[in-house]
């Protein structure tokens, strides 16, 4: 700085370092100290809400689900109307507490109420994910399938969502997936109905559905005409198995594409998921059928993925541009979803 030939030192302040009190000692808090914090010890109401929410999460972590429910309900009573984000988060957590506490019917009501207030892509993602979990918890597999299909429509490049869609189809169609037991218990609510479904899918004798894929079967030795009902049943079973396998194959492809970007513990997790998916695929289909499946999935996705960005952008744009006065929801029917992703099976 040059002004009237004055020296810079006249205008600049030399940096000084504040001295630290020598008698400073960090406060030593006991475990769970935040559970007994009084409002007067906090600076603002925001701090009070933060402590209350943390206490509820701590109770959930300790599996004290009824106490966590009471804490979340208390938070929702004192929460200002302007705190939309915290309100939605507490509503979601409250619903998941009810699932764990064995009152999944109340969780369904809360999940549907949360979904009715969704307006943005992120909000729809959260509410559909919650609906999927609570519907599985109460055994409403048709509703769970609808939620899973909407999630995949919003995020078609998410391998985890394709896996959950496959597992939902497996629940609905009673298809045996022995290797899925660990994944189900890790990612789905542990209600009695869900655990029963998981055990039934994992404890049964695995079958390889070669008879459901006639393209790869040698039926020339058969002389008797099969019963028409038996033919139709086998056709439906074949379709259901191929749909589940196609979902698993898509999840496998996405994991392969993203494996190079995984770091740390994600590398091991990705490899483990790939092994489990490949194990399920080999249990569902023989080598010939699996090869045909991969070819069809690749060809179908090559076409659909080229169209997917524009369609996905359209869905996202519709959800983002909605106003509070618009109640119309962007919906995807089961028929249109399966026509888009499984048209070579139908």
Foldseek 3Di string as FASTA:
>chain_A
DADPNDDCVVPDDDDDDDDDDPPDDDDDDDPPNLVPDDPVVDDDVVVVLVSLLVVLVVCVVVVVLVVSLVSLVVSLVPPDPVPVVVVLVSLLVNLLSCLSVQNLVVSLVSLVVQCLPAQALVSLLSSLLSQLQSCLSVVVLVSNLQSLLVNCLLPVLALVSLLSNLVSLCLVVVAAQQLCLVVQVVRHRPHPNNNVSSCSNRVDDQAALAVLDVVPDDPVPDDDDDDPVVVVVSLVVSLSLLSSLLSLVSSLVSLVVCLVVDDDPVNVVSVVSNVSSVVRNVSHHPPVVSVVSNVVQVVLCVVLVVVSVVSSVVQNVNSNPDDPVDSDHDGDDPVNSCCSRPVVSD
